[in-house]
């Protein structure tokens, strides 16, 4: 009996020690922190990493670019305050520059860069996206070898862009290109990639070809989520493919379409690698982002300031346009839940 009482005393003493340690180190947080406070702590911890990532990889890097946009860069590597002079120079180059290597008298090189960049939004939204919608719709109809065609469309997206651009350009080579004679027959000049505007058209053709697969995968997934009852109801109403496409499919996948339109518009300020690899900027295929990229690669302080001003000005103008387009497109079909 004495042994049992000794063991009970030890157990009680251990429990007292644990409770005292909890009180000392505040381990029992429930007694000291409310549920709302604990929720806030959890949210702060979860947001800590993305906030730090934003500060380190975006704000910290770009704050220097923002300062350069209002400065002049000297040859010796120093900078002086320039105010809005860099922005004035951009507009002056756009409207008054006499530098013209395109052969088109009413276009200077700066305006060609702007047109080339805006063209990517046009071909993405009005050519690539409609083609992707049509292909995705007919592939959803369980046509023979539908999955094979999906894989074929998506193939350019899994091949490295360097290899893909090389293979595309070789197809139009004058010596052994399998598409060379065809392009000549429809009126293209011999130097497809070196004379504007055919050089830029070739870049557009590549972007349409390479971008279809990505769009088709996203749109096919969105169409696959549409309830079968909607298609059955359309059949009972004697709706053909045309009405089914525009009155059932388009409204149901409208959020995905809006997303792809926004991504297409961002290409205006972000696409530079494709023209760089296809033409190396020759044939006046420069875009806004390619012009900025090559300027920063020059390691010239003056070019740094000019590139920073171009990037800031284009972002300040184009970002609100994108937001307005998204706002008005989102109002087209509201409350699509299924």
C-alpha atoms as a PDB file:
ATOM      1  CA  UNK A   1       0.000   0.000   0.000  1.00  0.00           C
ATOM      2  CA  UNK A   2       2.881   2.306   0.759  1.00  0.00           C
ATOM      3  CA  UNK A   3       4.310   1.709  -2.713  1.00  0.00           C
ATOM      4  CA  UNK A   4       0.983   2.633  -4.317  1.00  0.00           C
ATOM      5  CA  UNK A   5       0.710   5.825  -2.295  1.00  0.00           C
ATOM      6  CA  UNK A   6       4.262   6.761  -3.235  1.00  0.00           C
ATOM      7  CA  UNK A   7       3.464   6.269  -6.945  1.00  0.00           C
ATOM      8  CA  UNK A   8       0.298   8.382  -6.622  1.00  0.00           C
ATOM      9  CA  UNK A   9       2.257  11.145  -4.976  1.00  0.00           C
ATOM     10  CA  UNK A  10       4.840  11.071  -7.769  1.00  0.00           C
ATOM     11  CA  UNK A  11       2.092  11.290 -10.406  1.00  0.00           C
ATOM     12  CA  UNK A  12       0.451  14.240  -8.649  1.00  0.00           C
ATOM     13  CA  UNK A  13       3.798  16.011  -8.315  1.00  0.00           C
ATOM     14  CA  UNK A  14       4.554  15.486 -12.043  1.00  0.00           C
ATOM     15  CA  UNK A  15       1.184  16.908 -13.019  1.00  0.00           C
ATOM     16  CA  UNK A  16       1.739  19.932 -10.771  1.00  0.00           C
ATOM     17  CA  UNK A  17       5.182  20.503 -12.306  1.00  0.00           C
ATOM     18  CA  UNK A  18       3.763  20.321 -15.861  1.00  0.00           C
ATOM     19  CA  UNK A  19       0.966  22.748 -15.063  1.00  0.00           C
ATOM     20  CA  UNK A  20       3.378  25.175 -13.441  1.00  0.00           C
ATOM     21  CA  UNK A  21       5.701  24.985 -16.452  1.00  0.00           C
ATOM     22  CA  UNK A  22       2.760  25.683 -18.798  1.00  0.00           C
ATOM     23  CA  UNK A  23       1.839  28.735 -16.762  1.00  0.00           C
ATOM     24  CA  UNK A  24       5.446  29.919 -16.675  1.00  0.00           C
ATOM     25  CA  UNK A  25       6.041  29.576 -20.424  1.00  0.00           C
ATOM     26  CA  UNK A  26       2.429  30.467 -21.392  1.00  0.00           C
ATOM     27  CA  UNK A  27       1.999  27.188 -23.280  1.00  0.00           C
ATOM     28  CA  UNK A  28      -1.726  27.194 -22.620  1.00  0.00           C
ATOM     29  CA  UNK A  29      -2.424  29.902 -25.203  1.00  0.00           C
ATOM     30  CA  UNK A  30      -6.176  29.338 -25.252  1.00  0.00           C
ATOM     31  CA  UNK A  31      -6.465  30.917 -21.817  1.00  0.00           C
ATOM     32  CA  UNK A  32      -4.480  33.987 -22.871  1.00  0.00           C
ATOM     33  CA  UNK A  33      -5.405  34.497 -26.547  1.00  0.00           C
ATOM     34  CA  UNK A  34      -8.872  34.831 -27.982  1.00  0.00           C
ATOM     35  CA  UNK A  35      -9.930  32.883 -31.067  1.00  0.00           C
ATOM     36  CA  UNK A  36      -9.923  36.069 -33.152  1.00  0.00           C
ATOM     37  CA  UNK A  37      -6.348  36.839 -32.109  1.00  0.00           C
ATOM     38  CA  UNK A  38      -5.198  33.301 -32.954  1.00  0.00           C
ATOM     39  CA  UNK A  39      -6.850  33.602 -36.372  1.00  0.00           C
ATOM     40  CA  UNK A  40      -5.011  36.845 -37.036  1.00  0.00           C
ATOM     41  CA  UNK A  41      -1.702  35.245 -36.031  1.00  0.00           C
ATOM     42  CA  UNK A  42      -2.338  32.333 -38.390  1.00  0.00           C
ATOM     43  CA  UNK A  43      -3.186  34.681 -41.288  1.00  0.00           C
ATOM     44  CA  UNK A  44      -0.076  36.787 -40.673  1.00  0.00           C
ATOM     45  CA  UNK A  45       2.154  33.704 -40.651  1.00  0.00           C
ATOM     46  CA  UNK A  46       0.587  32.398 -43.884  1.00  0.00           C
ATOM     47  CA  UNK A  47       0.980  35.780 -45.619  1.00  0.00           C
ATOM     48  CA  UNK A  48       4.514  36.349 -44.420  1.00  0.00           C
ATOM     49  CA  UNK A  49       6.188  34.340 -47.182  1.00  0.00           C
ATOM     50  CA  UNK A  50       4.352  35.843 -50.199  1.00  0.00           C
ATOM     51  CA  UNK A  51       4.763  39.352 -48.797  1.00  0.00           C
ATOM     52  CA  UNK A  52       8.507  38.832 -48.320  1.00  0.00           C
ATOM     53  CA  UNK A  53       8.746  37.343 -51.786  1.00  0.00           C
ATOM     54  CA  UNK A  54       6.968  40.387 -53.251  1.00  0.00           C
ATOM     55  CA  UNK A  55       9.206  42.816 -51.378  1.00  0.00           C
ATOM     56  CA  UNK A  56      12.458  41.041 -52.262  1.00  0.00           C
ATOM     57  CA  UNK A  57      11.822  39.950 -55.860  1.00  0.00           C
ATOM     58  CA  UNK A  58       9.630  42.824 -57.082  1.00  0.00           C
ATOM     59  CA  UNK A  59       9.611  45.945 -54.926  1.00  0.00           C
ATOM     60  CA  UNK A  60      13.300  45.852 -54.005  1.00  0.00           C
ATOM     61  CA  UNK A  61      14.357  45.236 -57.631  1.00  0.00           C
ATOM     62  CA  UNK A  62      11.962  47.675 -59.274  1.00  0.00           C
ATOM     63  CA  UNK A  63      12.424  50.582 -56.890  1.00  0.00           C
ATOM     64  CA  UNK A  64      15.773  51.200 -58.570  1.00  0.00           C
ATOM     65  CA  UNK A  65      14.099  51.151 -61.991  1.00  0.00           C
ATOM     66  CA  UNK A  66      11.486  53.649 -60.828  1.00  0.00           C
ATOM     67  CA  UNK A  67      14.246  56.020 -59.728  1.00  0.00           C
ATOM     68  CA  UNK A  68      16.120  55.600 -63.039  1.00  0.00           C
ATOM     69  CA  UNK A  69      12.979  56.605 -64.967  1.00  0.00           C
ATOM     70  CA  UNK A  70      13.412  60.149 -63.609  1.00  0.00           C
ATOM     71  CA  UNK A  71      17.194  60.340 -64.046  1.00  0.00           C
ATOM     72  CA  UNK A  72      19.902  60.764 -66.660  1.00  0.00           C
ATOM     73  CA  UNK A  73      22.677  58.224 -66.813  1.00  0.00           C
ATOM     74  CA  UNK A  74      26.232  59.433 -67.383  1.00  0.00           C
ATOM     75  CA  UNK A  75      29.053  57.525 -69.062  1.00  0.00           C
ATOM     76  CA  UNK A  76      30.975  57.346 -65.790  1.00  0.00           C
ATOM     77  CA  UNK A  77      28.084  55.418 -64.182  1.00  0.00           C
ATOM     78  CA  UNK A  78      26.636  58.285 -62.158  1.00  0.00           C
ATOM     79  CA  UNK A  79      23.052  59.542 -62.353  1.00  0.00           C
ATOM     80  CA  UNK A  80      21.465  62.974 -62.129  1.00  0.00           C
ATOM     81  CA  UNK A  81      17.861  64.062 -61.690  1.00  0.00           C
ATOM     82  CA  UNK A  82      16.003  64.636 -64.981  1.00  0.00           C
ATOM     83  CA  UNK A  83      12.376  64.954 -63.909  1.00  0.00           C
ATOM     84  CA  UNK A  84      10.007  64.060 -66.744  1.00  0.00           C
ATOM     85  CA  UNK A  85      12.542  64.650 -69.528  1.00  0.00           C
ATOM     86  CA  UNK A  86      12.822  60.945 -70.313  1.00  0.00           C
ATOM     87  CA  UNK A  87       9.066  60.676 -70.826  1.00  0.00           C
ATOM     88  CA  UNK A  88       9.004  63.777 -73.044  1.00  0.00           C
ATOM     89  CA  UNK A  89      11.739  62.216 -75.173  1.00  0.00           C
ATOM     90  CA  UNK A  90       9.671  59.030 -75.625  1.00  0.00           C
ATOM     91  CA  UNK A  91       6.720  60.975 -77.054  1.00  0.00           C
ATOM     92  CA  UNK A  92       9.050  63.088 -79.172  1.00  0.00           C
ATOM     93  CA  UNK A  93      10.584  59.943 -80.678  1.00  0.00           C
ATOM     94  CA  UNK A  94       7.143  58.511 -81.346  1.00  0.00           C
ATOM     95  CA  UNK A  95       5.748  61.518 -83.205  1.00  0.00           C
ATOM     96  CA  UNK A  96       8.781  63.419 -84.519  1.00  0.00           C
ATOM     97  CA  UNK A  97      11.597  60.919 -85.055  1.00  0.00           C
ATOM     98  CA  UNK A  98      12.895  60.696 -88.647  1.00  0.00           C
ATOM     99  CA  UNK A  99      14.620  57.341 -88.111  1.00  0.00           C
ATOM    100  CA  UNK A 100      12.984  54.953 -90.563  1.00  0.00           C
ATOM    101  CA  UNK A 101      14.360  51.610 -91.750  1.00  0.00           C
ATOM    102  CA  UNK A 102      11.058  50.004 -92.741  1.00  0.00           C
ATOM    103  CA  UNK A 103      10.631  51.511 -96.188  1.00  0.00           C
ATOM    104  CA  UNK A 104       7.225  52.894 -95.192  1.00  0.00           C
ATOM    105  CA  UNK A 105       7.435  56.673 -95.328  1.00  0.00           C
ATOM    106  CA  UNK A 106       4.780  57.450 -92.712  1.00  0.00           C
ATOM    107  CA  UNK A 107       6.175  55.073 -90.073  1.00  0.00           C
ATOM    108  CA  UNK A 108       9.258  55.727 -87.992  1.00  0.00           C
ATOM    109  CA  UNK A 109      10.993  52.970 -86.054  1.00  0.00           C
ATOM    110  CA  UNK A 110       9.414  53.932 -82.729  1.00  0.00           C
ATOM    111  CA  UNK A 111       5.887  53.704 -84.106  1.00  0.00           C
ATOM    112  CA  UNK A 112       6.722  50.330 -85.703  1.00  0.00           C
ATOM    113  CA  UNK A 113       7.756  49.001 -82.290  1.00  0.00           C
ATOM    114  CA  UNK A 114       4.420  50.158 -80.878  1.00  0.00           C
ATOM    115  CA  UNK A 115       2.442  48.599 -83.759  1.00  0.00           C
ATOM    116  CA  UNK A 116       4.347  45.331 -83.494  1.00  0.00           C
ATOM    117  CA  UNK A 117       3.558  45.097 -79.787  1.00  0.00           C
ATOM    118  CA  UNK A 118      -0.120  45.968 -80.129  1.00  0.00           C
ATOM    119  CA  UNK A 119      -0.382  43.410 -82.910  1.00  0.00           C
ATOM    120  CA  UNK A 120       0.260  40.594 -80.455  1.00  0.00           C
ATOM    121  CA  UNK A 121      -2.902  41.516 -78.553  1.00  0.00           C
ATOM    122  CA  UNK A 122      -4.882  41.652 -81.801  1.00  0.00           C
ATOM    123  CA  UNK A 123      -3.768  38.267 -83.134  1.00  0.00           C
ATOM    124  CA  UNK A 124      -4.131  36.605 -79.719  1.00  0.00           C
ATOM    125  CA  UNK A 125      -7.663  37.884 -79.072  1.00  0.00           C
ATOM    126  CA  UNK A 126      -9.145  37.930 -82.574  1.00  0.00           C
ATOM    127  CA  UNK A 127      -7.343  35.026 -84.281  1.00  0.00           C
ATOM    128  CA  UNK A 128      -5.761  32.608 -81.823  1.00  0.00           C
ATOM    129  CA  UNK A 129      -8.585  32.666 -79.256  1.00  0.00           C
ATOM    130  CA  UNK A 130     -11.468  32.144 -81.756  1.00  0.00           C
ATOM    131  CA  UNK A 131      -9.562  29.285 -83.413  1.00  0.00           C
ATOM    132  CA  UNK A 132      -8.931  27.720 -80.006  1.00  0.00           C
ATOM    133  CA  UNK A 133     -12.618  28.027 -79.129  1.00  0.00           C
ATOM    134  CA  UNK A 134     -13.715  26.294 -82.336  1.00  0.00           C
ATOM    135  CA  UNK A 135     -11.171  23.495 -82.033  1.00  0.00           C
ATOM    136  CA  UNK A 136     -12.002  22.947 -78.358  1.00  0.00           C
ATOM    137  CA  UNK A 137     -15.718  22.805 -79.082  1.00  0.00           C
ATOM    138  CA  UNK A 138     -15.437  20.206 -81.829  1.00  0.00           C
ATOM    139  CA  UNK A 139     -12.926  18.158 -79.835  1.00  0.00           C
ATOM    140  CA  UNK A 140     -15.493  18.063 -77.004  1.00  0.00           C
ATOM    141  CA  UNK A 141     -17.941  16.338 -79.371  1.00  0.00           C
ATOM    142  CA  UNK A 142     -16.063  13.059 -78.966  1.00  0.00           C
ATOM    143  CA  UNK A 143     -14.772  13.118 -82.505  1.00  0.00           C
ATOM    144  CA  UNK A 144     -12.420  10.244 -83.481  1.00  0.00           C
ATOM    145  CA  UNK A 145      -8.865  10.626 -82.136  1.00  0.00           C
ATOM    146  CA  UNK A 146      -9.867  13.694 -80.116  1.00  0.00           C
ATOM    147  CA  UNK A 147      -7.216  13.056 -77.455  1.00  0.00           C
ATOM    148  CA  UNK A 148      -4.568  12.542 -80.139  1.00  0.00           C
ATOM    149  CA  UNK A 149      -5.413  15.922 -81.643  1.00  0.00           C
ATOM    150  CA  UNK A 150      -5.241  17.528 -78.204  1.00  0.00           C
ATOM    151  CA  UNK A 151      -1.740  16.116 -77.757  1.00  0.00           C
ATOM    152  CA  UNK A 152      -0.717  17.362 -81.223  1.00  0.00           C
ATOM    153  CA  UNK A 153      -2.007  20.861 -80.460  1.00  0.00           C
ATOM    154  CA  UNK A 154      -0.257  20.905 -77.081  1.00  0.00           C
ATOM    155  CA  UNK A 155       3.049  19.517 -78.407  1.00  0.00           C
ATOM    156  CA  UNK A 156       4.634  22.952 -79.106  1.00  0.00           C
ATOM    157  CA  UNK A 157       4.123  23.884 -75.446  1.00  0.00           C
ATOM    158  CA  UNK A 158       6.287  21.053 -74.107  1.00  0.00           C
ATOM    159  CA  UNK A 159       9.182  21.629 -76.524  1.00  0.00           C
ATOM    160  CA  UNK A 160      11.768  24.233 -75.409  1.00  0.00           C
ATOM    161  CA  UNK A 161      11.134  27.562 -77.110  1.00  0.00           C
ATOM    162  CA  UNK A 162      14.691  27.714 -78.476  1.00  0.00           C
ATOM    163  CA  UNK A 163      14.276  24.406 -80.309  1.00  0.00           C
ATOM    164  CA  UNK A 164      10.753  25.277 -81.399  1.00  0.00           C
ATOM    165  CA  UNK A 165      11.680  28.641 -82.931  1.00  0.00           C
ATOM    166  CA  UNK A 166      14.645  27.028 -84.709  1.00  0.00           C
ATOM    167  CA  UNK A 167      12.430  24.300 -86.188  1.00  0.00           C
ATOM    168  CA  UNK A 168       9.839  26.881 -87.247  1.00  0.00           C
ATOM    169  CA  UNK A 169      12.401  29.103 -88.986  1.00  0.00           C
ATOM    170  CA  UNK A 170      13.999  26.150 -90.765  1.00  0.00           C
ATOM    171  CA  UNK A 171      10.644  25.316 -92.329  1.00  0.00           C
ATOM    172  CA  UNK A 172      10.911  28.530 -94.353  1.00  0.00           C
ATOM    173  CA  UNK A 173      14.554  28.212 -95.301  1.00  0.00           C
ATOM    174  CA  UNK A 174      15.202  28.846 -99.025  1.00  0.00           C
ATOM    175  CA  UNK A 175      17.396  25.755 -99.368  1.00  0.00           C
ATOM    176  CA  UNK A 176      15.442  22.934 -97.727  1.00  0.00           C
ATOM    177  CA  UNK A 177      12.413  24.546 -96.106  1.00  0.00           C
ATOM    178  CA  UNK A 178       9.246  22.565 -96.783  1.00  0.00           C
ATOM    179  CA  UNK A 179       7.065  25.717 -96.627  1.00  0.00           C
ATOM    180  CA  UNK A 180       9.345  27.998 -98.626  1.00  0.00           C
ATOM    181  CA  UNK A 181       7.721  27.496-102.027  1.00  0.00           C
ATOM    182  CA  UNK A 182       4.227  27.721-100.558  1.00  0.00           C
ATOM    183  CA  UNK A 183       4.955  31.117 -98.973  1.00  0.00           C
ATOM    184  CA  UNK A 184       6.328  32.383-102.279  1.00  0.00           C
ATOM    185  CA  UNK A 185       3.197  31.206-104.101  1.00  0.00           C
ATOM    186  CA  UNK A 186       0.905  33.256-101.840  1.00  0.00           C
ATOM    187  CA  UNK A 187       2.952  36.418-102.351  1.00  0.00           C
ATOM    188  CA  UNK A 188       5.574  36.541 -99.598  1.00  0.00           C
ATOM    189  CA  UNK A 189       9.019  37.856-100.479  1.00  0.00           C
ATOM    190  CA  UNK A 190      12.064  35.572-100.400  1.00  0.00           C
ATOM    191  CA  UNK A 191      13.472  37.078 -97.205  1.00  0.00           C
ATOM    192  CA  UNK A 192      10.604  36.172 -94.895  1.00  0.00           C
ATOM    193  CA  UNK A 193      12.380  37.067 -91.657  1.00  0.00           C
ATOM    194  CA  UNK A 194      14.419  40.073 -92.721  1.00  0.00           C
ATOM    195  CA  UNK A 195      11.999  42.495 -94.436  1.00  0.00           C
ATOM    196  CA  UNK A 196       9.165  44.302 -92.650  1.00  0.00           C
ATOM    197  CA  UNK A 197       6.193  43.670 -92.566  1.00  0.00           C
ATOM    198  CA  UNK A 198       6.597  40.017 -93.644  1.00  0.00           C
ATOM    199  CA  UNK A 199       9.158  39.535 -90.875  1.00  0.00           C
ATOM    200  CA  UNK A 200       6.594  40.572 -88.267  1.00  0.00           C
ATOM    201  CA  UNK A 201       3.856  38.506 -89.920  1.00  0.00           C
ATOM    202  CA  UNK A 202       6.080  35.430 -89.607  1.00  0.00           C
ATOM    203  CA  UNK A 203       6.488  36.115 -85.882  1.00  0.00           C
ATOM    204  CA  UNK A 204       2.700  36.425 -85.565  1.00  0.00           C
ATOM    205  CA  UNK A 205       2.201  33.120 -87.406  1.00  0.00           C
ATOM    206  CA  UNK A 206       4.597  31.412 -85.027  1.00  0.00           C
ATOM    207  CA  UNK A 207       2.784  32.821 -81.960  1.00  0.00           C
ATOM    208  CA  UNK A 208      -0.597  31.644 -83.283  1.00  0.00           C
ATOM    209  CA  UNK A 209       0.740  28.170 -84.011  1.00  0.00           C
ATOM    210  CA  UNK A 210       2.578  27.809 -80.705  1.00  0.00           C
ATOM    211  CA  UNK A 211      -0.203  29.320 -78.597  1.00  0.00           C
ATOM    212  CA  UNK A 212      -3.147  27.222 -79.792  1.00  0.00           C
ATOM    213  CA  UNK A 213      -2.320  24.212 -77.635  1.00  0.00           C
ATOM    214  CA  UNK A 214      -2.230  26.131 -74.358  1.00  0.00           C
ATOM    215  CA  UNK A 215      -5.579  27.770 -75.086  1.00  0.00           C
ATOM    216  CA  UNK A 216      -7.166  24.496 -76.198  1.00  0.00           C
ATOM    217  CA  UNK A 217      -6.155  22.717 -72.993  1.00  0.00           C
ATOM    218  CA  UNK A 218      -7.715  25.441 -70.833  1.00  0.00           C
ATOM    219  CA  UNK A 219     -10.863  25.779 -72.933  1.00  0.00           C
ATOM    220  CA  UNK A 220     -11.346  22.011 -73.252  1.00  0.00           C
ATOM    221  CA  UNK A 221     -11.204  21.715 -69.479  1.00  0.00           C
ATOM    222  CA  UNK A 222     -13.768  24.501 -69.106  1.00  0.00           C
ATOM    223  CA  UNK A 223     -16.120  22.928 -71.699  1.00  0.00           C
ATOM    224  CA  UNK A 224     -15.760  19.527 -70.030  1.00  0.00           C
ATOM    225  CA  UNK A 225     -17.122  20.996 -66.784  1.00  0.00           C
ATOM    226  CA  UNK A 226     -20.383  22.150 -68.394  1.00  0.00           C
ATOM    227  CA  UNK A 227     -23.273  19.984 -67.100  1.00  0.00           C
ATOM    228  CA  UNK A 228     -24.524  17.478 -69.687  1.00  0.00           C
ATOM    229  CA  UNK A 229     -28.088  18.480 -68.880  1.00  0.00           C
ATOM    230  CA  UNK A 230     -27.542  21.819 -70.620  1.00  0.00           C
ATOM    231  CA  UNK A 231     -26.567  20.110 -73.870  1.00  0.00           C
ATOM    232  CA  UNK A 232     -29.492  17.717 -73.569  1.00  0.00           C
ATOM    233  CA  UNK A 233     -31.846  20.642 -73.018  1.00  0.00           C
ATOM    234  CA  UNK A 234     -30.402  22.380 -76.109  1.00  0.00           C
ATOM    235  CA  UNK A 235     -31.069  19.238 -78.171  1.00  0.00           C
ATOM    236  CA  UNK A 236     -34.664  19.107 -76.955  1.00  0.00           C
ATOM    237  CA  UNK A 237     -35.027  22.702 -78.141  1.00  0.00           C
ATOM    238  CA  UNK A 238     -33.661  21.617 -81.557  1.00  0.00           C
ATOM    239  CA  UNK A 239     -30.554  23.757 -81.200  1.00  0.00           C
ATOM    240  CA  UNK A 240     -27.833  23.003 -83.718  1.00  0.00           C
ATOM    241  CA  UNK A 241     -24.102  23.298 -83.248  1.00  0.00           C
ATOM    242  CA  UNK A 242     -24.151  27.019 -83.975  1.00  0.00           C
ATOM    243  CA  UNK A 243     -26.777  27.885 -81.350  1.00  0.00           C
ATOM    244  CA  UNK A 244     -25.313  25.444 -78.847  1.00  0.00           C
ATOM    245  CA  UNK A 245     -21.888  27.027 -79.246  1.00  0.00           C
ATOM    246  CA  UNK A 246     -23.050  30.625 -78.789  1.00  0.00           C
ATOM    247  CA  UNK A 247     -25.916  30.146 -76.316  1.00  0.00           C
ATOM    248  CA  UNK A 248     -24.603  27.341 -74.109  1.00  0.00           C
ATOM    249  CA  UNK A 249     -20.839  26.968 -74.407  1.00  0.00           C
ATOM    250  CA  UNK A 250     -19.747  30.619 -74.616  1.00  0.00           C
ATOM    251  CA  UNK A 251     -21.797  31.842 -71.603  1.00  0.00           C
ATOM    252  CA  UNK A 252     -20.682  28.900 -69.446  1.00  0.00           C
ATOM    253  CA  UNK A 253     -16.957  29.275 -70.139  1.00  0.00           C
ATOM    254  CA  UNK A 254     -16.991  33.078 -70.239  1.00  0.00           C
ATOM    255  CA  UNK A 255     -14.693  33.492 -67.172  1.00  0.00           C
ATOM    256  CA  UNK A 256     -12.044  31.363 -68.906  1.00  0.00           C
ATOM    257  CA  UNK A 257     -12.403  33.437 -72.079  1.00  0.00           C
ATOM    258  CA  UNK A 258     -11.973  36.655 -70.080  1.00  0.00           C
ATOM    259  CA  UNK A 259      -8.800  35.249 -68.510  1.00  0.00           C
ATOM    260  CA  UNK A 260      -7.335  34.369 -71.917  1.00  0.00           C
ATOM    261  CA  UNK A 261      -8.200  37.819 -73.278  1.00  0.00           C
ATOM    262  CA  UNK A 262      -6.381  39.452 -70.355  1.00  0.00           C
ATOM    263  CA  UNK A 263      -3.356  37.208 -70.880  1.00  0.00           C
ATOM    264  CA  UNK A 264      -3.385  38.114 -74.564  1.00  0.00           C
ATOM    265  CA  UNK A 265      -3.377  41.804 -73.718  1.00  0.00           C
ATOM    266  CA  UNK A 266      -0.427  41.397 -71.365  1.00  0.00           C
ATOM    267  CA  UNK A 267       1.601  40.069 -74.315  1.00  0.00           C
ATOM    268  CA  UNK A 268       1.846  43.660 -75.520  1.00  0.00           C
ATOM    269  CA  UNK A 269       4.307  44.432 -72.709  1.00  0.00           C
ATOM    270  CA  UNK A 270       5.826  41.022 -71.999  1.00  0.00           C
ATOM    271  CA  UNK A 271       6.512  39.202 -75.269  1.00  0.00           C
ATOM    272  CA  UNK A 272      10.118  39.512 -76.392  1.00  0.00           C
ATOM    273  CA  UNK A 273      11.695  36.055 -76.537  1.00  0.00           C
ATOM    274  CA  UNK A 274       9.966  34.869 -79.732  1.00  0.00           C
ATOM    275  CA  UNK A 275      11.066  37.765 -81.989  1.00  0.00           C
ATOM    276  CA  UNK A 276      14.504  37.668 -80.375  1.00  0.00           C
ATOM    277  CA  UNK A 277      15.002  33.983 -81.230  1.00  0.00           C
ATOM    278  CA  UNK A 278      13.329  34.108 -84.646  1.00  0.00           C
ATOM    279  CA  UNK A 279      14.865  37.279 -86.056  1.00  0.00           C
ATOM    280  CA  UNK A 280      17.223  38.675 -83.396  1.00  0.00           C
ATOM    281  CA  UNK A 281      15.364  41.948 -83.884  1.00  0.00           C
ATOM    282  CA  UNK A 282      16.217  42.148 -87.582  1.00  0.00           C
ATOM    283  CA  UNK A 283      13.535  43.123 -90.053  1.00  0.00           C
ATOM    284  CA  UNK A 284      12.101  45.678 -87.579  1.00  0.00           C
ATOM    285  CA  UNK A 285      10.494  43.012 -85.379  1.00  0.00           C
ATOM    286  CA  UNK A 286      11.290  44.849 -82.173  1.00  0.00           C
ATOM    287  CA  UNK A 287       8.622  44.945 -79.497  1.00  0.00           C
ATOM    288  CA  UNK A 288       8.388  47.196 -76.454  1.00  0.00           C
ATOM    289  CA  UNK A 289       9.719  44.511 -74.139  1.00  0.00           C
ATOM    290  CA  UNK A 290      12.460  43.434 -76.597  1.00  0.00           C
ATOM    291  CA  UNK A 291      13.581  47.058 -76.956  1.00  0.00           C
ATOM    292  CA  UNK A 292      13.756  47.383 -73.163  1.00  0.00           C
ATOM    293  CA  UNK A 293      15.543  44.034 -72.832  1.00  0.00           C
ATOM    294  CA  UNK A 294      18.259  44.955 -75.351  1.00  0.00           C
ATOM    295  CA  UNK A 295      18.640  48.399 -73.770  1.00  0.00           C
ATOM    296  CA  UNK A 296      19.299  46.904 -70.345  1.00  0.00           C
ATOM    297  CA  UNK A 297      21.658  44.331 -71.883  1.00  0.00           C
ATOM    298  CA  UNK A 298      23.823  47.165 -73.226  1.00  0.00           C
ATOM    299  CA  UNK A 299      25.134  47.969 -69.703  1.00  0.00           C
ATOM    300  CA  UNK A 300      24.833  51.675 -70.496  1.00  0.00           C
ATOM    301  CA  UNK A 301      23.557  53.959 -67.707  1.00  0.00           C
ATOM    302  CA  UNK A 302      21.839  56.166 -70.289  1.00  0.00           C
ATOM    303  CA  UNK A 303      20.054  53.165 -71.768  1.00  0.00           C
ATOM    304  CA  UNK A 304      19.031  52.036 -68.283  1.00  0.00           C
ATOM    305  CA  UNK A 305      17.206  55.317 -67.680  1.00  0.00           C
ATOM    306  CA  UNK A 306      15.532  55.298 -71.084  1.00  0.00           C
ATOM    307  CA  UNK A 307      14.379  51.689 -70.666  1.00  0.00           C
ATOM    308  CA  UNK A 308      13.067  52.375 -67.152  1.00  0.00           C
ATOM    309  CA  UNK A 309      11.033  55.354 -68.396  1.00  0.00           C
ATOM    310  CA  UNK A 310       9.572  53.311 -71.279  1.00  0.00           C
ATOM    311  CA  UNK A 311       8.594  50.469 -68.978  1.00  0.00           C
ATOM    312  CA  UNK A 312       6.982  52.767 -66.419  1.00  0.00           C
ATOM    313  CA  UNK A 313       5.098  54.814 -69.023  1.00  0.00           C
ATOM    314  CA  UNK A 314       3.784  51.768 -70.915  1.00  0.00           C
ATOM    315  CA  UNK A 315       2.673  50.099 -67.687  1.00  0.00           C
ATOM    316  CA  UNK A 316       0.914  53.257 -66.499  1.00  0.00           C
ATOM    317  CA  UNK A 317      -1.023  53.473 -69.779  1.00  0.00           C
ATOM    318  CA  UNK A 318      -1.707  49.814 -70.556  1.00  0.00           C
ATOM    319  CA  UNK A 319      -2.559  48.489 -67.073  1.00  0.00           C
ATOM    320  CA  UNK A 320      -5.723  50.641 -66.736  1.00  0.00           C
ATOM    321  CA  UNK A 321      -6.778  49.585 -70.240  1.00  0.00           C
ATOM    322  CA  UNK A 322      -6.500  45.930 -69.240  1.00  0.00           C
ATOM    323  CA  UNK A 323      -8.486  46.531 -66.063  1.00  0.00           C
ATOM    324  CA  UNK A 324     -11.250  48.341 -67.993  1.00  0.00           C
ATOM    325  CA  UNK A 325     -11.495  45.526 -70.543  1.00  0.00           C
ATOM    326  CA  UNK A 326     -11.723  42.981 -67.738  1.00  0.00           C
ATOM    327  CA  UNK A 327     -14.385  45.051 -65.974  1.00  0.00           C
ATOM    328  CA  UNK A 328     -16.651  45.372 -69.015  1.00  0.00           C
ATOM    329  CA  UNK A 329     -16.150  41.780 -70.175  1.00  0.00           C
ATOM    330  CA  UNK A 330     -16.981  40.440 -66.732  1.00  0.00           C
ATOM    331  CA  UNK A 331     -20.359  42.187 -66.928  1.00  0.00           C
ATOM    332  CA  UNK A 332     -21.332  40.337 -70.109  1.00  0.00           C
ATOM    333  CA  UNK A 333     -22.386  37.117 -68.348  1.00  0.00           C
ATOM    334  CA  UNK A 334     -22.837  37.306 -64.601  1.00  0.00           C
ATOM    335  CA  UNK A 335     -23.639  34.589 -62.126  1.00  0.00           C
ATOM    336  CA  UNK A 336     -22.512  31.608 -64.232  1.00  0.00           C
ATOM    337  CA  UNK A 337     -22.372  28.844 -61.619  1.00  0.00           C
ATOM    338  CA  UNK A 338     -22.481  25.135 -62.342  1.00  0.00           C
END
